[in-house]
């Protein structure tokens, strides 16, 4: 990319004229006077025989461009999997980090730690102009995030996911997301071949039911792969045999079964957040029954509230206090391997950071109620960021909500809503969820329209967010090695932008690579376009093949 002021030829000639003062005509012929500009950093290429004068060359360039603060020289080619390139400082401010602006975006770029080409600005604009409303887009090898941020700022894409192996590039991408204030972008760190199988795996989303036959048959007829069984007050004490018979029958079915503790056992609130010995002993007895049932019938676990958030807010008077210290003391003294502790809206088990610390310290699994977390969070951004922190094996209660940062009684009474009735963007959160249930209250539990409707919506959204309408592969060398992974992530009808470095006599190879990968994946290939994105060396170009799969 050449950078000159208002009159390119005049500026270029002036640069050469100034260089005549320090270089011979032979040296001038050898010097590459074009240079890349990234932010306020200019990057030169200077051959070995001119290195003795490189600092003077850098100083002349610096003096001629007010918008340039630093002049560097390429000291190596892009090397290794991370495509890093060493730079040598020549003039101005000795730095490598800058803010580069293009296509209505601002981007933090470290020119030495992450691959970035300003010459691809036009190519990014070309892709941007193709994106249609509500597309789900994957950018493989996303670096500091130039492609994702350009698409996020200039299109109506529903969601954009970037994957980058380079830790420095990933950190910069996260900063660029903040800098450009876009929340429909997700950046994942790691190998695309390992991450794609994870993000494209459909979440296991089930239903919730009472253990009684009249309730179960209304849920089982929809063939959920996961079922959470809630236990009412008095069920364990007064209907144990019926309850156990029901669980035994369920355990024979090919579905994942999870129990939910009764809020009260033997007429007393279940809580592990108090120092009241009688309450703790009663709760321990209840948990022991649930643990025994899970073990006997090979169930996946039982969900438990550490306390009732109603008592924390003072809606019901209790002569005891709930504290995080008491929760930790209970977990220290008692080991329930099937326990899945649920977050609440207020009190000592509501802050996501402390919840994660407790879970890690005492090796317990978590059940995260999304509506509870939404009510606890001060902003939507805080809510979405908190969800990303929980362990991958976290189990979720999934419902919609509009009660952000709520400290009112209404949030206790109606804190969750049917999917689509609140403000939560499920396009953003479902890719983070591995397993959970639609926890939506029904007007009539024997006609569970609200829960089943939400469950069906969640499954539909999950299908749309797990696979991609458009996939970008801006890795010019060896990108063909990653075509199988890209095709696994593609929806039927997806468009793939496949980049390569090819000699002009071998442009046909790009299509051959794409056709072969599609054939191996059992997909149909259709060429859409073939574009030269820039020259790499004499008669060798960076090219992009756009093709559709079906």
Protein backbone atom coordinates (compact mmCIF):
# COMPACT_ATOMS: atom_id res chain seq x y z
CA UNK A 1 0.00 0.00 0.00
CA UNK A 2 1.52 3.32 -1.07
CA UNK A 3 0.81 6.27 1.13
CA UNK A 4 1.23 9.75 -0.27
CA UNK A 5 -0.58 13.02 0.35
CA UNK A 6 -2.92 14.87 -2.00
CA UNK A 7 -0.63 14.51 -5.01
CA UNK A 8 0.78 10.94 -5.13
CA UNK A 9 3.25 11.43 -7.96
CA UNK A 10 4.60 14.66 -6.51
CA UNK A 11 5.09 13.05 -3.10
CA UNK A 12 6.76 9.99 -4.58
CA UNK A 13 9.08 12.09 -6.73
CA UNK A 14 9.91 14.26 -3.72
CA UNK A 15 10.83 11.17 -1.71
CA UNK A 16 13.15 9.98 -4.49
CA UNK A 17 14.62 13.47 -4.82
CA UNK A 18 15.44 13.56 -1.11
CA UNK A 19 16.93 10.08 -1.31
CA UNK A 20 19.26 11.25 -4.08
CA UNK A 21 21.13 13.21 -1.40
CA UNK A 22 22.23 9.99 0.36
CA UNK A 23 22.01 7.28 -2.33
CA UNK A 24 23.80 6.67 -5.61
CA UNK A 25 21.77 6.11 -8.78
CA UNK A 26 22.57 2.40 -8.57
CA UNK A 27 21.31 2.29 -4.97
CA UNK A 28 18.16 4.19 -5.93
CA UNK A 29 17.39 1.59 -8.56
CA UNK A 30 17.63 -1.18 -5.93
CA UNK A 31 15.58 0.59 -3.25
CA UNK A 32 11.86 -0.26 -2.96
CA UNK A 33 10.27 3.16 -2.45
CA UNK A 34 6.78 1.77 -1.83
CA UNK A 35 5.83 1.01 1.75
CA UNK A 36 2.92 -0.16 3.88
CA UNK A 37 1.25 2.16 6.36
CA UNK A 38 -0.57 0.63 9.31
CA UNK A 39 -2.03 3.32 11.53
CA UNK A 40 0.79 5.80 12.06
CA UNK A 41 3.53 3.21 11.39
CA UNK A 42 5.30 2.99 8.01
CA UNK A 43 6.97 -0.31 7.11
CA UNK A 44 9.77 -0.43 4.54
CA UNK A 45 11.57 -3.23 2.73
CA UNK A 46 15.31 -2.53 2.40
CA UNK A 47 17.75 -4.97 0.80
CA UNK A 48 20.95 -6.04 2.56
CA UNK A 49 23.30 -3.83 0.51
CA UNK A 50 21.44 -0.66 1.61
CA UNK A 51 21.16 -1.49 5.33
CA UNK A 52 24.03 0.87 6.24
CA UNK A 53 21.83 3.81 5.18
CA UNK A 54 18.47 2.48 6.40
CA UNK A 55 18.13 4.85 9.36
CA UNK A 56 18.71 7.87 7.11
CA UNK A 57 16.11 6.50 4.67
CA UNK A 58 13.66 6.08 7.54
CA UNK A 59 14.28 9.63 8.81
CA UNK A 60 13.67 11.11 5.34
CA UNK A 61 10.38 9.21 5.05
CA UNK A 62 9.33 10.33 8.53
CA UNK A 63 10.07 13.98 7.76
CA UNK A 64 7.87 13.92 4.66
CA UNK A 65 4.68 12.50 6.23
CA UNK A 66 3.07 14.25 9.20
CA UNK A 67 0.70 11.34 9.78
CA UNK A 68 3.59 8.87 10.25
CA UNK A 69 5.07 8.64 13.75
CA UNK A 70 7.20 5.49 13.37
CA UNK A 71 9.27 3.96 10.58
CA UNK A 72 10.16 0.25 10.72
CA UNK A 73 11.90 -2.19 8.41
CA UNK A 74 10.81 -5.76 7.75
CA UNK A 75 13.52 -7.94 9.24
CA UNK A 76 12.02 -11.31 8.33
CA UNK A 77 9.27 -12.98 6.33
CA UNK A 78 6.07 -14.01 8.07
CA UNK A 79 7.06 -17.12 9.99
CA UNK A 80 5.42 -20.06 11.73
CA UNK A 81 1.79 -20.91 12.36
CA UNK A 82 1.19 -17.50 13.92
CA UNK A 83 2.55 -15.64 10.84
CA UNK A 84 4.60 -13.23 12.93
CA UNK A 85 7.15 -10.90 11.35
CA UNK A 86 10.13 -9.25 13.03
CA UNK A 87 10.58 -5.52 12.57
CA UNK A 88 13.57 -3.23 13.08
CA UNK A 89 13.08 0.33 14.31
CA UNK A 90 14.48 3.02 12.01
CA UNK A 91 13.04 6.41 12.95
CA UNK A 92 10.48 8.30 15.04
CA UNK A 93 8.77 6.72 18.04
CA UNK A 94 9.99 3.21 18.84
CA UNK A 95 6.73 1.24 19.01
CA UNK A 96 4.89 -1.64 17.36
CA UNK A 97 1.29 -1.01 18.51
CA UNK A 98 -0.92 1.42 16.62
CA UNK A 99 -4.55 2.16 15.76
CA UNK A 100 -5.34 1.58 12.10
CA UNK A 101 -8.50 2.97 10.46
CA UNK A 102 -10.29 1.47 7.48
CA UNK A 103 -13.84 0.87 6.28
CA UNK A 104 -15.45 2.78 9.14
CA UNK A 105 -13.51 0.81 11.80
CA UNK A 106 -10.65 1.47 14.20
CA UNK A 107 -8.29 -1.43 14.89
CA UNK A 108 -5.52 -1.98 17.41
CA UNK A 109 -2.69 -3.69 15.52
CA UNK A 110 0.70 -4.86 16.80
CA UNK A 111 2.67 -5.10 13.56
CA UNK A 112 5.20 -7.50 15.04
CA UNK A 113 2.95 -9.84 17.03
CA UNK A 114 0.04 -10.34 14.64
CA UNK A 115 -0.42 -10.67 10.88
CA UNK A 116 -2.22 -7.71 9.34
CA UNK A 117 -2.26 -6.45 5.76
CA UNK A 118 -3.61 -2.97 4.98
CA UNK A 119 -3.59 -4.02 1.32
CA UNK A 120 -6.67 -6.18 2.02
CA UNK A 121 -8.84 -3.18 2.87
CA UNK A 122 -10.48 -3.30 -0.57
CA UNK A 123 -11.01 -7.05 -0.30
CA UNK A 124 -12.66 -6.65 3.11
CA UNK A 125 -14.95 -4.03 1.57
CA UNK A 126 -15.79 -6.42 -1.29
CA UNK A 127 -16.90 -9.11 1.16
CA UNK A 128 -18.74 -6.56 3.27
CA UNK A 129 -20.86 -5.51 0.29
CA UNK A 130 -22.03 -9.10 -0.23
CA UNK A 131 -23.31 -9.75 3.29
CA UNK A 132 -27.08 -9.91 3.65
CA UNK A 133 -29.25 -9.22 6.68
CA UNK A 134 -29.17 -11.77 9.53
CA UNK A 135 -26.25 -13.81 8.22
CA UNK A 136 -24.31 -15.95 10.68
CA UNK A 137 -20.64 -15.55 9.67
CA UNK A 138 -17.46 -17.43 10.57
CA UNK A 139 -14.02 -15.87 10.07
CA UNK A 140 -11.26 -18.47 10.37
CA UNK A 141 -7.76 -17.14 11.22
CA UNK A 142 -9.30 -13.83 12.34
CA UNK A 143 -6.10 -12.28 13.75
CA UNK A 144 -6.74 -8.92 15.44
CA UNK A 145 -10.24 -8.98 14.01
CA UNK A 146 -10.15 -6.80 10.86
CA UNK A 147 -12.63 -8.92 8.86
CA UNK A 148 -15.08 -9.42 11.79
CA UNK A 149 -15.01 -5.75 12.78
CA UNK A 150 -15.47 -4.47 9.21
CA UNK A 151 -18.44 -6.82 8.79
CA UNK A 152 -19.90 -5.92 12.18
CA UNK A 153 -19.65 -2.16 11.57
CA UNK A 154 -20.91 -2.12 8.00
CA UNK A 155 -23.46 -4.92 7.62
CA UNK A 156 -26.62 -6.22 9.25
CA UNK A 157 -25.13 -9.62 10.00
CA UNK A 158 -26.80 -11.37 12.90
CA UNK A 159 -23.61 -12.76 14.41
CA UNK A 160 -19.93 -12.97 13.50
CA UNK A 161 -17.51 -15.47 15.03
CA UNK A 162 -13.74 -15.15 14.71
CA UNK A 163 -11.26 -17.93 15.54
CA UNK A 164 -7.55 -17.18 16.04
CA UNK A 165 -4.66 -19.35 17.25
CA UNK A 166 -2.32 -16.44 18.08
CA UNK A 167 -2.91 -15.33 21.72
CA UNK A 168 -1.68 -11.80 20.96
CA UNK A 169 -4.05 -11.54 18.00
CA UNK A 170 -6.95 -12.82 20.11
CA UNK A 171 -6.28 -10.24 22.84
CA UNK A 172 -6.20 -7.44 20.28
CA UNK A 173 -9.44 -8.70 18.73
CA UNK A 174 -11.17 -8.48 22.11
CA UNK A 175 -9.89 -4.91 22.50
CA UNK A 176 -11.10 -4.07 19.01
CA UNK A 177 -14.55 -5.37 19.87
CA UNK A 178 -14.66 -2.89 22.77
CA UNK A 179 -13.15 -0.10 20.68
CA UNK A 180 -15.82 -0.46 17.98
CA UNK A 181 -18.65 -1.13 20.46
CA UNK A 182 -20.07 -4.17 18.68
CA UNK A 183 -21.74 -6.96 20.65
CA UNK A 184 -22.70 -9.25 17.77
CA UNK A 185 -19.08 -10.42 17.44
CA UNK A 186 -17.53 -13.35 19.29
CA UNK A 187 -13.81 -14.16 19.31
CA UNK A 188 -12.54 -17.63 20.20
CA UNK A 189 -8.89 -18.52 20.80
CA UNK A 190 -7.48 -21.78 19.49
CA UNK A 191 -7.06 -24.14 16.55
CA UNK A 192 -9.99 -23.91 14.13
CA UNK A 193 -9.94 -27.69 13.62
CA UNK A 194 -10.51 -28.19 17.36
CA UNK A 195 -12.93 -25.32 17.95
CA UNK A 196 -15.27 -25.89 14.99
CA UNK A 197 -16.43 -29.37 16.17
CA UNK A 198 -17.24 -27.81 19.55
CA UNK A 199 -19.16 -24.75 18.32
CA UNK A 200 -21.10 -26.71 15.69
CA UNK A 201 -22.23 -29.39 18.11
CA UNK A 202 -25.91 -28.90 18.86
CA UNK A 203 -26.71 -28.15 22.51
CA UNK A 204 -28.74 -30.67 24.46
CA UNK A 205 -31.90 -28.75 25.37
CA UNK A 206 -34.69 -30.50 27.25
CA UNK A 207 -37.91 -30.00 29.16
CA UNK A 208 -38.90 -29.86 32.83
CA UNK A 209 -41.64 -31.94 34.41
CA UNK A 210 -43.06 -33.16 37.67
CA UNK A 211 -42.47 -36.87 38.27
CA UNK A 212 -46.17 -37.78 38.18
CA UNK A 213 -47.39 -39.73 35.13
CA UNK A 214 -50.01 -37.16 34.13
CA UNK A 215 -47.27 -34.51 33.86
CA UNK A 216 -44.59 -36.72 32.33
CA UNK A 217 -46.66 -37.98 29.42
CA UNK A 218 -47.26 -34.38 28.25
CA UNK A 219 -43.49 -33.82 27.97
CA UNK A 220 -42.24 -37.25 26.89
CA UNK A 221 -44.49 -37.30 23.81
CA UNK A 222 -42.25 -34.56 22.35
CA UNK A 223 -39.23 -36.90 22.63
CA UNK A 224 -36.82 -34.64 24.54
CA UNK A 225 -33.28 -35.97 24.94
CA UNK A 226 -33.05 -34.40 28.40
CA UNK A 227 -35.65 -34.16 31.15
CA UNK A 228 -35.39 -32.38 34.49
CA UNK A 229 -37.70 -33.75 37.17
CA UNK A 230 -38.83 -31.32 39.85
CA UNK A 231 -39.88 -32.62 43.23
CA UNK A 232 -42.63 -30.91 45.19
CA UNK A 233 -42.90 -30.22 48.89
CA UNK A 234 -43.74 -33.44 50.74
CA UNK A 235 -43.02 -35.75 47.78
CA UNK A 236 -39.92 -37.40 49.25
CA UNK A 237 -41.51 -37.89 52.67
CA UNK A 238 -45.04 -38.90 51.68
CA UNK A 239 -44.79 -40.37 48.17
CA UNK A 240 -41.38 -41.97 48.13
CA UNK A 241 -42.37 -45.30 46.60
CA UNK A 242 -44.40 -43.70 43.83
CA UNK A 243 -41.59 -41.22 43.16
CA UNK A 244 -38.93 -43.96 43.02
CA UNK A 245 -41.08 -46.13 40.72
CA UNK A 246 -41.46 -43.18 38.36
CA UNK A 247 -37.69 -42.50 38.32
CA UNK A 248 -36.96 -46.19 37.75
CA UNK A 249 -39.22 -46.21 34.67
CA UNK A 250 -37.68 -43.00 33.36
CA UNK A 251 -34.17 -44.37 33.79
CA UNK A 252 -34.97 -47.09 31.26
CA UNK A 253 -35.66 -44.54 28.55
CA UNK A 254 -32.94 -43.20 26.28
CA UNK A 255 -32.75 -39.71 27.73
CA UNK A 256 -30.67 -37.76 30.22
CA UNK A 257 -32.42 -37.37 33.58
CA UNK A 258 -31.70 -34.65 36.16
CA UNK A 259 -33.57 -34.09 39.43
CA UNK A 260 -34.47 -30.77 41.04
CA UNK A 261 -34.65 -30.70 44.83
CA UNK A 262 -37.87 -29.73 46.65
CA UNK A 263 -37.70 -26.20 48.05
CA UNK A 264 -38.83 -27.66 51.38
CA UNK A 265 -38.17 -31.02 53.02
CA UNK A 266 -40.13 -32.16 56.10
CA UNK A 267 -41.83 -28.77 56.18
CA UNK A 268 -38.56 -26.82 56.40
CA UNK A 269 -36.71 -24.77 53.80
CA UNK A 270 -33.70 -26.47 52.26
CA UNK A 271 -30.64 -24.26 52.72
CA UNK A 272 -26.87 -24.70 52.99
CA UNK A 273 -26.22 -20.99 53.58
CA UNK A 274 -27.12 -20.93 57.27
CA UNK A 275 -25.31 -21.92 60.46
CA UNK A 276 -28.54 -23.32 61.96
CA UNK A 277 -27.56 -26.93 62.69
CA UNK A 278 -31.12 -28.33 62.46
CA UNK A 279 -31.68 -26.76 59.05
CA UNK A 280 -28.32 -28.00 57.80
CA UNK A 281 -28.99 -31.52 59.03
CA UNK A 282 -32.43 -31.53 57.41
CA UNK A 283 -31.01 -30.26 54.09
CA UNK A 284 -28.19 -32.80 54.26
CA UNK A 285 -30.74 -35.59 54.70
CA UNK A 286 -32.68 -34.36 51.64
CA UNK A 287 -29.51 -34.09 49.53
CA UNK A 288 -28.49 -37.60 50.62
CA UNK A 289 -31.77 -39.04 49.30
CA UNK A 290 -31.27 -37.28 45.96
CA UNK A 291 -27.63 -38.39 45.76
CA UNK A 292 -28.63 -41.99 46.50
CA UNK A 293 -31.34 -41.89 43.79
CA UNK A 294 -28.95 -40.46 41.20
CA UNK A 295 -26.39 -43.15 41.94
CA UNK A 296 -28.91 -46.01 42.01
CA UNK A 297 -30.52 -45.14 38.67
CA UNK A 298 -27.47 -43.65 36.96
CA UNK A 299 -28.97 -40.15 36.68
CA UNK A 300 -26.93 -37.13 35.66
CA UNK A 301 -27.30 -35.16 38.88
CA UNK A 302 -29.60 -33.05 41.02
CA UNK A 303 -30.08 -29.27 41.00
CA UNK A 304 -30.22 -27.52 44.37
CA UNK A 305 -30.74 -23.94 45.50
CA UNK A 306 -28.24 -22.94 48.21
CA UNK A 307 -31.07 -20.95 49.83
CA UNK A 308 -34.37 -19.29 48.93
CA UNK A 309 -33.77 -15.83 47.48
CA UNK A 310 -37.20 -14.83 48.83
CA UNK A 311 -35.83 -15.01 52.37
CA UNK A 312 -32.72 -13.04 51.41
CA UNK A 313 -34.89 -10.16 50.19
CA UNK A 314 -37.05 -10.35 53.31
CA UNK A 315 -40.32 -11.40 51.67
CA UNK A 316 -40.58 -14.15 54.27
CA UNK A 317 -39.20 -13.59 57.74
CA UNK A 318 -36.57 -16.04 58.96
CA UNK A 319 -34.63 -16.00 62.24
CA UNK A 320 -31.34 -16.79 60.45
CA UNK A 321 -28.99 -15.18 57.94
CA UNK A 322 -27.60 -16.58 54.71
CA UNK A 323 -23.86 -16.14 54.04
CA UNK A 324 -21.28 -17.32 51.53
CA UNK A 325 -19.12 -18.49 54.43
CA UNK A 326 -21.83 -20.96 55.48
CA UNK A 327 -22.14 -22.28 51.91
CA UNK A 328 -18.40 -22.88 51.78
CA UNK A 329 -18.38 -24.60 55.18
CA UNK A 330 -21.14 -26.96 54.04
CA UNK A 331 -19.29 -27.84 50.84
CA UNK A 332 -16.05 -28.30 52.81
CA UNK A 333 -17.66 -30.83 55.17
CA UNK A 334 -19.99 -32.63 52.75
CA UNK A 335 -19.25 -34.25 49.41
CA UNK A 336 -22.22 -34.70 47.07
CA UNK A 337 -20.81 -35.79 43.74
CA UNK A 338 -24.14 -35.38 41.90
CA UNK A 339 -24.85 -31.87 43.24
CA UNK A 340 -25.43 -29.05 40.73
CA UNK A 341 -25.67 -25.79 42.68
CA UNK A 342 -27.93 -23.13 41.14
CA UNK A 343 -27.25 -19.39 41.10
CA UNK A 344 -29.86 -17.02 42.49
CA UNK A 345 -30.68 -13.35 41.86
CA UNK A 346 -29.54 -11.93 45.17
CA UNK A 347 -27.46 -12.90 48.13
CA UNK A 348 -24.28 -14.92 48.62
CA UNK A 349 -24.64 -17.15 45.53
CA UNK A 350 -25.50 -14.60 42.85
CA UNK A 351 -22.18 -13.00 41.81
CA UNK A 352 -20.84 -15.01 38.83
CA UNK A 353 -17.17 -14.48 39.72
CA UNK A 354 -17.56 -15.81 43.26
CA UNK A 355 -19.79 -18.67 42.03
CA UNK A 356 -17.06 -19.80 39.63
CA UNK A 357 -14.42 -19.62 42.38
CA UNK A 358 -16.55 -21.69 44.76
CA UNK A 359 -17.31 -24.28 42.07
CA UNK A 360 -13.63 -24.63 41.23
CA UNK A 361 -12.46 -24.76 44.85
CA UNK A 362 -14.96 -27.45 45.93
CA UNK A 363 -15.23 -29.30 42.60
CA UNK A 364 -18.97 -28.93 42.23
CA UNK A 365 -21.01 -28.61 39.05
CA UNK A 366 -23.11 -25.54 38.37
CA UNK A 367 -26.66 -24.92 37.22
CA UNK A 368 -26.92 -21.38 35.88
CA UNK A 369 -30.39 -19.91 35.64
CA UNK A 370 -30.15 -17.39 32.82
CA UNK A 371 -33.08 -15.30 34.06
CA UNK A 372 -31.51 -15.11 37.54
CA UNK A 373 -28.20 -13.99 36.04
CA UNK A 374 -29.95 -11.42 33.84
CA UNK A 375 -31.74 -9.90 36.85
CA UNK A 376 -28.48 -9.77 38.80
CA UNK A 377 -26.46 -8.13 35.99
CA UNK A 378 -26.21 -4.35 35.81
CA UNK A 379 -26.04 -4.22 32.00
CA UNK A 380 -26.61 -6.53 29.05
CA UNK A 381 -22.89 -6.47 28.25
CA UNK A 382 -22.09 -7.61 31.80
CA UNK A 383 -24.64 -10.41 31.42
CA UNK A 384 -23.24 -11.71 28.11
CA UNK A 385 -19.64 -11.47 29.35
CA UNK A 386 -20.54 -13.38 32.54
CA UNK A 387 -22.00 -16.27 30.52
CA UNK A 388 -18.69 -16.71 28.71
CA UNK A 389 -16.84 -17.31 31.99
CA UNK A 390 -18.69 -20.40 33.20
CA UNK A 391 -17.12 -23.86 32.73
CA UNK A 392 -18.03 -25.78 29.57
CA UNK A 393 -19.85 -28.50 31.55
CA UNK A 394 -22.27 -25.98 33.14
CA UNK A 395 -25.94 -26.93 33.03
CA UNK A 396 -28.47 -24.15 32.27
CA UNK A 397 -32.04 -23.19 33.04
CA UNK A 398 -33.01 -21.27 29.91
CA UNK A 399 -35.74 -18.66 29.74
CA UNK A 400 -36.16 -15.11 28.50
CA UNK A 401 -36.23 -12.04 30.74
CA UNK A 402 -36.55 -8.27 30.63
CA UNK A 403 -35.68 -7.65 34.28
CA UNK A 404 -32.09 -6.43 33.94
CA UNK A 405 -30.51 -5.13 37.17
CA UNK A 406 -33.82 -5.61 38.99
CA UNK A 407 -34.17 -5.18 42.72
CA UNK A 408 -37.94 -5.29 42.90
CA UNK A 409 -40.37 -7.92 44.10
CA UNK A 410 -41.67 -8.43 40.55
CA UNK A 411 -38.37 -10.08 39.65
CA UNK A 412 -39.00 -12.71 42.32
CA UNK A 413 -42.56 -13.32 41.19
CA UNK A 414 -42.12 -13.17 37.38
CA UNK A 415 -38.39 -13.03 36.71
CA UNK A 416 -38.53 -15.28 33.64
CA UNK A 417 -40.52 -15.16 30.41
CA UNK A 418 -41.19 -17.36 27.41
CA UNK A 419 -38.49 -17.20 24.73
CA UNK A 420 -39.08 -14.19 22.50
CA UNK A 421 -41.00 -12.19 25.10
CA UNK A 422 -37.95 -10.60 26.77
CA UNK A 423 -34.75 -8.82 25.85
CA UNK A 424 -32.21 -11.68 25.82
CA UNK A 425 -30.44 -12.31 22.51
CA UNK A 426 -30.34 -16.10 22.24
CA UNK A 427 -28.26 -15.92 19.06
CA UNK A 428 -25.40 -14.80 21.33
CA UNK A 429 -25.88 -17.17 24.25
CA UNK A 430 -26.86 -20.51 22.69
CA UNK A 431 -23.40 -21.10 21.17
CA UNK A 432 -22.10 -20.97 24.76
CA UNK A 433 -24.50 -23.62 26.05
CA UNK A 434 -23.80 -27.34 25.99
CA UNK A 435 -26.83 -28.56 27.92
CA UNK A 436 -29.90 -27.20 29.67
CA UNK A 437 -33.69 -27.09 29.78
CA UNK A 438 -36.38 -24.61 28.80
CA UNK A 439 -37.47 -23.50 32.25
CA UNK A 440 -40.66 -21.66 31.37
CA UNK A 441 -43.75 -21.62 33.58
CA UNK A 442 -46.95 -22.89 31.98
CA UNK A 443 -50.41 -21.52 32.65
CA UNK A 444 -51.55 -25.14 32.72
CA UNK A 445 -48.91 -27.78 33.48
CA UNK A 446 -51.07 -30.43 31.84
CA UNK A 447 -51.07 -28.35 28.65
CA UNK A 448 -47.47 -27.06 28.62
CA UNK A 449 -47.76 -24.78 25.57
CA UNK A 450 -45.42 -22.06 26.88
CA UNK A 451 -42.56 -24.41 27.79
CA UNK A 452 -42.80 -26.57 24.69
CA UNK A 453 -43.08 -23.50 22.46
CA UNK A 454 -39.95 -22.00 24.02
CA UNK A 455 -38.15 -25.34 23.72
CA UNK A 456 -38.94 -25.52 20.01
CA UNK A 457 -37.77 -21.92 19.48
CA UNK A 458 -34.51 -22.64 21.29
CA UNK A 459 -33.86 -25.70 19.13
CA UNK A 460 -34.53 -23.66 15.99
CA UNK A 461 -32.23 -20.82 17.10
CA UNK A 462 -29.52 -23.32 18.06
CA UNK A 463 -29.63 -24.80 14.57
CA UNK A 464 -29.20 -21.33 13.08
CA UNK A 465 -26.37 -20.24 15.36
CA UNK A 466 -24.30 -23.43 15.22
CA UNK A 467 -23.80 -23.41 11.46
CA UNK A 468 -22.78 -20.55 9.19
CA UNK A 469 -24.19 -18.77 6.16
CA UNK A 470 -20.79 -17.38 5.14
CA UNK A 471 -17.25 -18.55 5.97
CA UNK A 472 -14.07 -16.55 5.35
CA UNK A 473 -10.68 -18.28 5.13
CA UNK A 474 -8.09 -15.45 4.89
CA UNK A 475 -5.06 -17.72 5.25
CA UNK A 476 -3.30 -17.46 1.87
CA UNK A 477 -0.90 -20.36 2.41
CA UNK A 478 -2.16 -23.90 3.13
CA UNK A 479 -5.79 -22.82 3.61
CA UNK A 480 -6.82 -25.95 1.69
CA UNK A 481 -5.82 -27.99 4.76
CA UNK A 482 -8.72 -26.35 6.61
CA UNK A 483 -11.39 -26.72 3.93
CA UNK A 484 -12.82 -29.92 5.54
CA UNK A 485 -13.31 -28.02 8.83
CA UNK A 486 -14.93 -25.10 7.01
CA UNK A 487 -17.34 -27.40 5.17
CA UNK A 488 -18.39 -29.06 8.44
CA UNK A 489 -19.39 -25.62 9.76
CA UNK A 490 -21.28 -24.60 6.59
CA UNK A 491 -25.03 -24.57 6.23
CA UNK A 492 -26.51 -25.85 3.00
CA UNK A 493 -26.28 -22.86 0.66
CA UNK A 494 -23.37 -21.31 2.54
CA UNK A 495 -20.85 -19.12 0.73
CA UNK A 496 -17.15 -19.76 1.35
CA UNK A 497 -14.36 -17.30 0.56
CA UNK A 498 -11.23 -19.40 0.02
CA UNK A 499 -7.88 -17.57 -0.24
CA UNK A 500 -4.66 -18.80 -1.82
CA UNK A 501 -1.31 -17.62 -3.21
CA UNK A 502 -1.03 -18.81 -6.83
CA UNK A 503 1.04 -18.17 -9.92
CA UNK A 504 -1.16 -16.87 -12.72
CA UNK A 505 -0.56 -20.07 -14.68
CA UNK A 506 -2.01 -22.08 -11.79
CA UNK A 507 -5.18 -20.17 -10.91
CA UNK A 508 -7.18 -23.31 -11.80
CA UNK A 509 -5.73 -25.03 -8.71
CA UNK A 510 -7.97 -23.02 -6.35
CA UNK A 511 -11.07 -24.55 -7.93
CA UNK A 512 -9.57 -28.00 -7.95
CA UNK A 513 -8.88 -27.79 -4.21
CA UNK A 514 -12.40 -26.57 -3.44
CA UNK A 515 -14.09 -29.15 -5.69
CA UNK A 516 -12.07 -31.99 -4.15
CA UNK A 517 -12.94 -30.91 -0.59
CA UNK A 518 -16.64 -30.60 -1.46
CA UNK A 519 -16.68 -34.03 -3.08
CA UNK A 520 -15.06 -35.61 -0.01
CA UNK A 521 -17.67 -33.92 2.20
CA UNK A 522 -20.56 -35.08 0.00
CA UNK A 523 -21.48 -31.51 -0.97
CA UNK A 524 -22.19 -29.86 -4.30
CA UNK A 525 -19.86 -27.09 -5.44
CA UNK A 526 -20.84 -23.95 -7.37
CA UNK A 527 -18.32 -21.26 -8.36
CA UNK A 528 -19.48 -17.69 -7.76
CA UNK A 529 -16.41 -15.52 -8.39
CA UNK A 530 -12.63 -15.51 -8.63
CA UNK A 531 -10.76 -12.35 -7.59
CA UNK A 532 -7.14 -11.21 -7.54
CA UNK A 533 -6.69 -9.48 -4.17
CA UNK A 534 -3.12 -8.26 -4.66
CA UNK A 535 0.27 -9.18 -6.03
CA UNK A 536 2.60 -11.27 -3.90
CA UNK A 537 5.55 -11.50 -6.29
CA UNK A 538 6.04 -11.34 -10.07
CA UNK A 539 3.06 -13.12 -11.70
CA UNK A 540 2.03 -14.55 -8.31
CA UNK A 541 -1.09 -13.22 -6.63
CA UNK A 542 -3.20 -13.51 -3.54
CA UNK A 543 -6.52 -14.76 -4.90
CA UNK A 544 -9.97 -15.43 -3.50
CA UNK A 545 -12.36 -18.07 -4.81
CA UNK A 546 -15.98 -17.49 -3.78
CA UNK A 547 -18.08 -20.66 -3.97
CA UNK A 548 -21.40 -21.96 -2.68
CA UNK A 549 -22.09 -25.38 -1.17
CA UNK A 550 -25.33 -27.33 -1.23
